Amino acid sequence: MVDYPLNFKAESQAEKEEKKWRLKTDEGLKTEMSTPEKFGGSSTNPSPEDLFNASLNTCILATFKITAERKNLEYETLEVNSDTSLARNDDGRPVMRESDIEVGVFGITDRELALEVAEICERNCFIHNSVKTEIKMNFKFNPNK
């Protein structure tokens, strides 16, 4: 059982004259970051927007894997694709407005159990539950890849 609350730490450091900065997390991620190319940054480094989208993407993947293991769901491959849009809200400020997430589960033998696991994931993905972004999920179950 997990003993809550859990804390996660990150450090960032930037030099004034550089367009990129360094990010380090307590879980071992070390990378250089920048704003998106459309905002004058670089396409060679991830942006905060990239990491936000990746968090939405990989949280559902991790939640599905853990739930499938607990429910003994047999599958071969899990693929998650996400497309998250940055738009302006009603007062003109930019926000991550919506995310379309498609989850492909391949090699399943029990479609009903896969649907149950998907429903649990949609309710319990804690990153999704923590953001204001509208999240649209689409699960596809296929017996073969």
N, C-alpha and C. Protein backbone atom coordinates (compact mmCIF):
# COMPACT_ATOMS: atom_id res chain seq x y z
N MET A 1 0.84 -1.18 0.00
CA MET A 1 0.00 0.00 0.00
C MET A 1 0.88 1.24 0.00
N VAL A 2 0.49 2.24 -0.73
CA VAL A 2 1.24 3.49 -0.82
C VAL A 2 0.89 4.36 0.37
N ASP A 3 1.91 4.94 0.97
CA ASP A 3 1.72 5.83 2.10
C ASP A 3 1.74 7.28 1.59
N TYR A 4 0.54 7.89 1.49
CA TYR A 4 0.41 9.26 0.99
C TYR A 4 0.55 10.25 2.13
N PRO A 5 0.97 11.47 1.89
CA PRO A 5 1.30 12.06 0.58
C PRO A 5 2.71 11.69 0.13
N LEU A 6 2.91 11.77 -1.17
CA LEU A 6 4.22 11.58 -1.80
C LEU A 6 4.68 12.93 -2.33
N ASN A 7 5.96 13.19 -2.27
CA ASN A 7 6.51 14.43 -2.81
C ASN A 7 7.46 14.12 -3.94
N PHE A 8 7.45 14.95 -4.95
CA PHE A 8 8.34 14.84 -6.09
C PHE A 8 9.03 16.19 -6.26
N LYS A 9 10.34 16.16 -6.47
CA LYS A 9 11.11 17.40 -6.54
C LYS A 9 11.77 17.56 -7.90
N ALA A 10 11.94 18.81 -8.30
CA ALA A 10 12.63 19.14 -9.53
C ALA A 10 13.43 20.42 -9.31
N GLU A 11 14.54 20.53 -10.04
CA GLU A 11 15.38 21.73 -10.02
C GLU A 11 15.59 22.17 -11.46
N SER A 12 15.51 23.48 -11.69
CA SER A 12 15.82 24.05 -13.00
C SER A 12 16.85 25.15 -12.81
N GLN A 13 17.73 25.31 -13.82
CA GLN A 13 18.74 26.36 -13.76
C GLN A 13 18.95 26.88 -15.18
N ALA A 14 18.97 28.22 -15.30
CA ALA A 14 19.13 28.84 -16.61
C ALA A 14 20.12 29.99 -16.52
N GLU A 15 20.86 30.17 -17.59
CA GLU A 15 21.75 31.31 -17.75
C GLU A 15 20.98 32.36 -18.56
N LYS A 16 21.12 33.62 -18.22
CA LYS A 16 20.36 34.69 -18.85
C LYS A 16 20.50 34.70 -20.37
N GLU A 17 21.71 34.50 -20.87
CA GLU A 17 21.95 34.63 -22.30
C GLU A 17 21.59 33.38 -23.11
N GLU A 18 21.18 32.31 -22.46
CA GLU A 18 20.83 31.08 -23.19
C GLU A 18 19.32 30.90 -23.28
N LYS A 19 18.87 30.32 -24.39
CA LYS A 19 17.44 30.06 -24.59
C LYS A 19 17.01 28.73 -23.98
N LYS A 20 17.97 27.95 -23.53
CA LYS A 20 17.62 26.66 -22.93
C LYS A 20 18.01 26.67 -21.46
N TRP A 21 17.53 25.67 -20.73
CA TRP A 21 17.87 25.53 -19.32
C TRP A 21 17.97 24.05 -18.97
N ARG A 22 18.49 23.79 -17.80
CA ARG A 22 18.66 22.42 -17.34
C ARG A 22 17.57 22.07 -16.34
N LEU A 23 17.11 20.83 -16.43
CA LEU A 23 16.09 20.31 -15.51
C LEU A 23 16.61 19.01 -14.93
N LYS A 24 16.42 18.86 -13.63
CA LYS A 24 16.81 17.63 -12.95
C LYS A 24 15.70 17.30 -11.95
N THR A 25 15.30 16.02 -11.92
CA THR A 25 14.28 15.59 -10.96
C THR A 25 14.88 14.60 -9.97
N ASP A 26 14.21 14.44 -8.85
CA ASP A 26 14.70 13.50 -7.84
C ASP A 26 14.52 12.04 -8.28
N GLU A 27 13.79 11.80 -9.35
CA GLU A 27 13.61 10.45 -9.87
C GLU A 27 14.66 10.13 -10.95
N GLY A 28 15.60 11.05 -11.19
CA GLY A 28 16.71 10.76 -12.09
C GLY A 28 16.64 11.34 -13.49
N LEU A 29 15.61 12.10 -13.82
CA LEU A 29 15.56 12.74 -15.13
C LEU A 29 16.51 13.93 -15.14
N LYS A 30 17.36 13.96 -16.15
CA LYS A 30 18.25 15.10 -16.37
C LYS A 30 18.16 15.43 -17.85
N THR A 31 17.74 16.67 -18.16
CA THR A 31 17.59 17.05 -19.55
C THR A 31 17.76 18.55 -19.70
N GLU A 32 17.99 18.97 -20.91
CA GLU A 32 17.95 20.39 -21.24
C GLU A 32 16.59 20.68 -21.83
N MET A 33 16.03 21.82 -21.49
CA MET A 33 14.69 22.22 -21.90
C MET A 33 14.76 23.55 -22.64
N SER A 34 13.70 23.86 -23.36
CA SER A 34 13.54 25.20 -23.96
C SER A 34 12.06 25.45 -24.19
N THR A 35 11.74 26.67 -24.50
CA THR A 35 10.37 26.95 -24.93
C THR A 35 10.17 26.30 -26.30
N PRO A 36 8.93 26.10 -26.73
CA PRO A 36 8.70 25.53 -28.06
C PRO A 36 9.28 26.43 -29.15
N GLU A 37 9.62 25.84 -30.27
CA GLU A 37 10.18 26.59 -31.40
C GLU A 37 9.25 27.73 -31.81
N LYS A 38 7.94 27.52 -31.72
CA LYS A 38 6.97 28.56 -32.09
C LYS A 38 7.05 29.78 -31.18
N PHE A 39 7.65 29.62 -30.00
CA PHE A 39 7.83 30.73 -29.06
C PHE A 39 9.28 31.21 -29.02
N GLY A 40 10.06 30.83 -30.03
CA GLY A 40 11.45 31.28 -30.11
C GLY A 40 12.44 30.33 -29.49
N GLY A 41 11.99 29.17 -29.07
CA GLY A 41 12.87 28.17 -28.47
C GLY A 41 13.44 27.23 -29.52
N SER A 42 13.79 26.05 -29.08
CA SER A 42 14.45 25.08 -29.95
C SER A 42 13.60 23.82 -30.07
N SER A 43 13.60 23.23 -31.25
CA SER A 43 12.88 21.96 -31.44
C SER A 43 13.74 20.77 -31.02
N THR A 44 14.99 21.01 -30.64
CA THR A 44 15.86 19.91 -30.24
C THR A 44 15.75 19.57 -28.76
N ASN A 45 15.11 20.44 -27.98
CA ASN A 45 14.94 20.19 -26.55
C ASN A 45 13.45 20.09 -26.23
N PRO A 46 13.08 19.26 -25.26
CA PRO A 46 11.67 19.24 -24.86
C PRO A 46 11.29 20.57 -24.21
N SER A 47 10.02 20.89 -24.31
CA SER A 47 9.47 22.10 -23.70
C SER A 47 8.58 21.70 -22.53
N PRO A 48 8.21 22.65 -21.69
CA PRO A 48 7.22 22.34 -20.64
C PRO A 48 5.93 21.77 -21.23
N GLU A 49 5.54 22.26 -22.41
CA GLU A 49 4.34 21.76 -23.07
C GLU A 49 4.51 20.29 -23.47
N ASP A 50 5.72 19.93 -23.95
CA ASP A 50 6.00 18.53 -24.27
C ASP A 50 5.86 17.65 -23.04
N LEU A 51 6.42 18.10 -21.92
CA LEU A 51 6.38 17.29 -20.70
C LEU A 51 4.96 17.20 -20.14
N PHE A 52 4.17 18.26 -20.29
CA PHE A 52 2.77 18.22 -19.87
C PHE A 52 2.03 17.15 -20.67
N ASN A 53 2.17 17.20 -21.99
CA ASN A 53 1.52 16.21 -22.86
C ASN A 53 2.03 14.80 -22.54
N ALA A 54 3.33 14.66 -22.34
CA ALA A 54 3.90 13.35 -22.01
C ALA A 54 3.37 12.84 -20.67
N SER A 55 3.13 13.74 -19.72
CA SER A 55 2.58 13.32 -18.43
C SER A 55 1.17 12.78 -18.58
N LEU A 56 0.35 13.45 -19.39
CA LEU A 56 -1.00 12.95 -19.64
C LEU A 56 -0.94 11.59 -20.33
N ASN A 57 -0.04 11.46 -21.28
CA ASN A 57 0.12 10.23 -22.05
C ASN A 57 0.58 9.07 -21.17
N THR A 58 1.67 9.28 -20.47
CA THR A 58 2.26 8.16 -19.74
C THR A 58 1.56 7.82 -18.44
N CYS A 59 0.79 8.76 -17.88
CA CYS A 59 0.03 8.44 -16.68
C CYS A 59 -1.05 7.41 -17.01
N ILE A 60 -1.71 7.57 -18.15
CA ILE A 60 -2.75 6.59 -18.51
C ILE A 60 -2.11 5.26 -18.84
N LEU A 61 -0.93 5.28 -19.46
CA LEU A 61 -0.23 4.03 -19.75
C LEU A 61 0.13 3.31 -18.45
N ALA A 62 0.72 4.02 -17.50
CA ALA A 62 1.12 3.42 -16.23
C ALA A 62 -0.09 2.92 -15.45
N THR A 63 -1.17 3.72 -15.44
CA THR A 63 -2.38 3.33 -14.71
C THR A 63 -2.99 2.08 -15.34
N PHE A 64 -2.98 2.01 -16.66
CA PHE A 64 -3.52 0.81 -17.34
C PHE A 64 -2.67 -0.40 -16.99
N LYS A 65 -1.35 -0.27 -17.08
CA LYS A 65 -0.47 -1.41 -16.79
C LYS A 65 -0.69 -1.94 -15.37
N ILE A 66 -0.75 -1.06 -14.40
CA ILE A 66 -0.91 -1.47 -13.01
C ILE A 66 -2.29 -2.11 -12.80
N THR A 67 -3.32 -1.49 -13.36
CA THR A 67 -4.67 -2.02 -13.21
C THR A 67 -4.81 -3.37 -13.92
N ALA A 68 -4.25 -3.48 -15.11
CA ALA A 68 -4.31 -4.75 -15.85
C ALA A 68 -3.61 -5.87 -15.08
N GLU A 69 -2.50 -5.53 -14.45
CA GLU A 69 -1.79 -6.54 -13.65
C GLU A 69 -2.65 -6.99 -12.47
N ARG A 70 -3.26 -6.06 -11.78
CA ARG A 70 -4.11 -6.39 -10.63
C ARG A 70 -5.33 -7.20 -11.03
N LYS A 71 -5.84 -6.95 -12.24
CA LYS A 71 -7.05 -7.64 -12.71
C LYS A 71 -6.72 -8.88 -13.55
N ASN A 72 -5.43 -9.17 -13.71
CA ASN A 72 -4.98 -10.33 -14.51
C ASN A 72 -5.43 -10.26 -15.97
N LEU A 73 -5.42 -9.05 -16.53
CA LEU A 73 -5.76 -8.89 -17.94
C LEU A 73 -4.55 -9.28 -18.78
N GLU A 74 -4.77 -10.19 -19.70
CA GLU A 74 -3.71 -10.60 -20.63
C GLU A 74 -3.74 -9.69 -21.85
N TYR A 75 -2.59 -9.15 -22.23
CA TYR A 75 -2.45 -8.36 -23.45
C TYR A 75 -0.98 -8.42 -23.85
N GLU A 76 -0.71 -8.06 -25.10
CA GLU A 76 0.66 -8.10 -25.61
C GLU A 76 1.31 -6.73 -25.64
N THR A 77 0.58 -5.75 -26.16
CA THR A 77 1.16 -4.42 -26.37
C THR A 77 0.14 -3.35 -26.02
N LEU A 78 0.65 -2.28 -25.44
CA LEU A 78 -0.16 -1.12 -25.10
C LEU A 78 0.47 0.09 -25.77
N GLU A 79 -0.31 0.83 -26.55
CA GLU A 79 0.19 2.03 -27.23
C GLU A 79 -0.70 3.21 -26.89
N VAL A 80 -0.09 4.32 -26.52
CA VAL A 80 -0.85 5.53 -26.19
C VAL A 80 -0.34 6.67 -27.05
N ASN A 81 -1.26 7.33 -27.74
CA ASN A 81 -0.95 8.51 -28.53
C ASN A 81 -1.79 9.67 -28.00
N SER A 82 -1.15 10.81 -27.82
CA SER A 82 -1.86 11.97 -27.29
C SER A 82 -1.57 13.20 -28.13
N ASP A 83 -2.59 14.03 -28.24
CA ASP A 83 -2.50 15.30 -28.96
C ASP A 83 -3.15 16.35 -28.06
N THR A 84 -2.34 17.23 -27.48
CA THR A 84 -2.82 18.22 -26.52
C THR A 84 -2.70 19.61 -27.12
N SER A 85 -3.78 20.38 -27.05
CA SER A 85 -3.80 21.69 -27.69
C SER A 85 -3.62 22.81 -26.67
N LEU A 86 -2.77 23.76 -27.05
CA LEU A 86 -2.58 25.00 -26.31
C LEU A 86 -3.45 26.05 -27.00
N ALA A 87 -4.35 26.66 -26.26
CA ALA A 87 -5.26 27.66 -26.82
C ALA A 87 -5.46 28.77 -25.79
N ARG A 88 -6.18 29.77 -26.17
CA ARG A 88 -6.48 30.86 -25.23
C ARG A 88 -7.81 30.58 -24.54
N ASN A 89 -7.85 30.87 -23.23
CA ASN A 89 -9.11 30.70 -22.50
C ASN A 89 -9.97 31.96 -22.69
N ASP A 90 -11.08 32.03 -21.98
CA ASP A 90 -12.03 33.13 -22.16
C ASP A 90 -11.44 34.51 -21.86
N ASP A 91 -10.46 34.59 -20.97
CA ASP A 91 -9.85 35.90 -20.68
C ASP A 91 -8.56 36.13 -21.47
N GLY A 92 -8.29 35.26 -22.47
CA GLY A 92 -7.17 35.48 -23.37
C GLY A 92 -5.85 34.85 -22.96
N ARG A 93 -5.81 34.21 -21.80
CA ARG A 93 -4.56 33.59 -21.37
C ARG A 93 -4.39 32.21 -22.01
N PRO A 94 -3.15 31.84 -22.37
CA PRO A 94 -2.93 30.51 -22.95
C PRO A 94 -3.11 29.41 -21.89
N VAL A 95 -3.78 28.36 -22.28
CA VAL A 95 -3.97 27.18 -21.41
C VAL A 95 -3.89 25.92 -22.26
N MET A 96 -3.54 24.83 -21.62
CA MET A 96 -3.61 23.54 -22.29
C MET A 96 -5.08 23.14 -22.25
N ARG A 97 -5.79 23.42 -23.32
CA ARG A 97 -7.25 23.34 -23.32
C ARG A 97 -7.79 21.92 -23.35
N GLU A 98 -7.32 21.11 -24.31
CA GLU A 98 -7.84 19.75 -24.39
C GLU A 98 -6.79 18.79 -24.89
N SER A 99 -7.00 17.53 -24.54
CA SER A 99 -6.08 16.48 -24.95
C SER A 99 -6.89 15.29 -25.46
N ASP A 100 -6.60 14.90 -26.68
CA ASP A 100 -7.20 13.69 -27.26
C ASP A 100 -6.19 12.56 -27.07
N ILE A 101 -6.62 11.54 -26.36
CA ILE A 101 -5.73 10.42 -26.05
C ILE A 101 -6.34 9.14 -26.60
N GLU A 102 -5.57 8.47 -27.44
CA GLU A 102 -5.99 7.19 -28.00
C GLU A 102 -5.12 6.09 -27.41
N VAL A 103 -5.79 5.09 -26.86
CA VAL A 103 -5.10 3.97 -26.24
C VAL A 103 -5.41 2.71 -27.04
N GLY A 104 -4.39 2.09 -27.57
CA GLY A 104 -4.54 0.82 -28.29
C GLY A 104 -4.02 -0.31 -27.42
N VAL A 105 -4.87 -1.30 -27.22
CA VAL A 105 -4.49 -2.48 -26.43
C VAL A 105 -4.56 -3.68 -27.38
N PHE A 106 -3.42 -4.29 -27.61
CA PHE A 106 -3.33 -5.36 -28.60
C PHE A 106 -3.04 -6.69 -27.93
N GLY A 107 -3.58 -7.74 -28.53
CA GLY A 107 -3.35 -9.09 -28.03
C GLY A 107 -4.22 -9.44 -26.84
N ILE A 108 -5.39 -8.81 -26.73
CA ILE A 108 -6.28 -9.12 -25.61
C ILE A 108 -7.06 -10.40 -25.90
N THR A 109 -7.42 -11.09 -24.84
CA THR A 109 -8.24 -12.29 -24.97
C THR A 109 -9.60 -12.10 -24.30
N ASP A 110 -9.74 -11.11 -23.43
CA ASP A 110 -10.98 -10.88 -22.69
C ASP A 110 -11.38 -9.41 -22.84
N ARG A 111 -12.23 -9.14 -23.82
CA ARG A 111 -12.64 -7.77 -24.13
C ARG A 111 -13.40 -7.13 -22.96
N GLU A 112 -14.26 -7.88 -22.29
CA GLU A 112 -15.03 -7.34 -21.16
C GLU A 112 -14.11 -6.90 -20.03
N LEU A 113 -13.11 -7.70 -19.73
CA LEU A 113 -12.16 -7.33 -18.68
C LEU A 113 -11.35 -6.11 -19.12
N ALA A 114 -10.98 -6.05 -20.40
CA ALA A 114 -10.24 -4.89 -20.92
C ALA A 114 -11.07 -3.61 -20.78
N LEU A 115 -12.37 -3.69 -21.04
CA LEU A 115 -13.25 -2.53 -20.85
C LEU A 115 -13.31 -2.12 -19.39
N GLU A 116 -13.37 -3.09 -18.50
CA GLU A 116 -13.39 -2.78 -17.06
C GLU A 116 -12.09 -2.07 -16.64
N VAL A 117 -10.96 -2.57 -17.12
CA VAL A 117 -9.67 -1.95 -16.81
C VAL A 117 -9.64 -0.52 -17.36
N ALA A 118 -10.13 -0.31 -18.58
CA ALA A 118 -10.16 1.02 -19.18
C ALA A 118 -11.00 1.99 -18.35
N GLU A 119 -12.16 1.54 -17.89
CA GLU A 119 -13.02 2.40 -17.07
C GLU A 119 -12.35 2.77 -15.75
N ILE A 120 -11.67 1.84 -15.14
CA ILE A 120 -10.94 2.11 -13.90
C ILE A 120 -9.84 3.14 -14.17
N CYS A 121 -9.14 2.99 -15.28
CA CYS A 121 -8.06 3.92 -15.64
C CYS A 121 -8.58 5.33 -15.83
N GLU A 122 -9.70 5.45 -16.52
CA GLU A 122 -10.25 6.79 -16.76
C GLU A 122 -10.62 7.48 -15.45
N ARG A 123 -11.07 6.73 -14.47
CA ARG A 123 -11.44 7.31 -13.18
C ARG A 123 -10.23 7.60 -12.30
N ASN A 124 -9.17 6.80 -12.42
CA ASN A 124 -8.09 6.83 -11.43
C ASN A 124 -6.76 7.38 -11.91
N CYS A 125 -6.66 7.84 -13.15
CA CYS A 125 -5.39 8.41 -13.61
C CYS A 125 -5.19 9.75 -12.89
N PHE A 126 -4.29 9.79 -11.92
CA PHE A 126 -4.21 10.95 -11.03
C PHE A 126 -3.68 12.20 -11.71
N ILE A 127 -2.89 12.09 -12.75
CA ILE A 127 -2.48 13.30 -13.48
C ILE A 127 -3.71 13.89 -14.16
N HIS A 128 -4.50 13.06 -14.80
CA HIS A 128 -5.72 13.54 -15.46
C HIS A 128 -6.66 14.18 -14.44
N ASN A 129 -6.74 13.60 -13.26
CA ASN A 129 -7.62 14.14 -12.22
C ASN A 129 -7.08 15.43 -11.60
N SER A 130 -5.86 15.79 -11.90
CA SER A 130 -5.21 16.95 -11.28
C SER A 130 -5.20 18.20 -12.16
N VAL A 131 -5.62 18.06 -13.40
CA VAL A 131 -5.52 19.20 -14.32
C VAL A 131 -6.91 19.64 -14.79
N LYS A 132 -6.97 20.88 -15.28
CA LYS A 132 -8.22 21.44 -15.81
C LYS A 132 -8.42 21.08 -17.28
N THR A 133 -7.40 20.59 -17.93
CA THR A 133 -7.46 20.24 -19.34
C THR A 133 -8.57 19.23 -19.59
N GLU A 134 -9.38 19.48 -20.62
CA GLU A 134 -10.42 18.51 -21.00
C GLU A 134 -9.73 17.32 -21.67
N ILE A 135 -9.97 16.14 -21.14
CA ILE A 135 -9.31 14.94 -21.65
C ILE A 135 -10.35 14.04 -22.30
N LYS A 136 -10.11 13.73 -23.57
CA LYS A 136 -10.99 12.84 -24.33
C LYS A 136 -10.24 11.54 -24.58
N MET A 137 -10.78 10.46 -24.02
CA MET A 137 -10.12 9.16 -24.13
C MET A 137 -10.83 8.30 -25.16
N ASN A 138 -10.05 7.54 -25.91
CA ASN A 138 -10.59 6.58 -26.85
C ASN A 138 -9.76 5.31 -26.74
N PHE A 139 -10.38 4.24 -26.27
CA PHE A 139 -9.71 2.95 -26.15
C PHE A 139 -10.09 2.09 -27.35
N LYS A 140 -9.09 1.40 -27.91
CA LYS A 140 -9.31 0.43 -28.99
C LYS A 140 -8.69 -0.89 -28.55
N PHE A 141 -9.51 -1.93 -28.58
CA PHE A 141 -9.05 -3.25 -28.18
C PHE A 141 -8.99 -4.14 -29.40
N ASN A 142 -7.84 -4.77 -29.61
CA ASN A 142 -7.64 -5.63 -30.76
C ASN A 142 -7.00 -6.94 -30.32
N PRO A 143 -7.51 -8.05 -30.82
CA PRO A 143 -6.90 -9.32 -30.45
C PRO A 143 -5.50 -9.49 -31.06
N ASN A 144 -5.22 -8.79 -32.16
CA ASN A 144 -3.93 -8.90 -32.83
C ASN A 144 -3.31 -7.54 -33.02
N LYS A 145 -2.00 -7.50 -33.17
CA LYS A 145 -1.27 -6.25 -33.43
C LYS A 145 -1.32 -5.95 -34.89
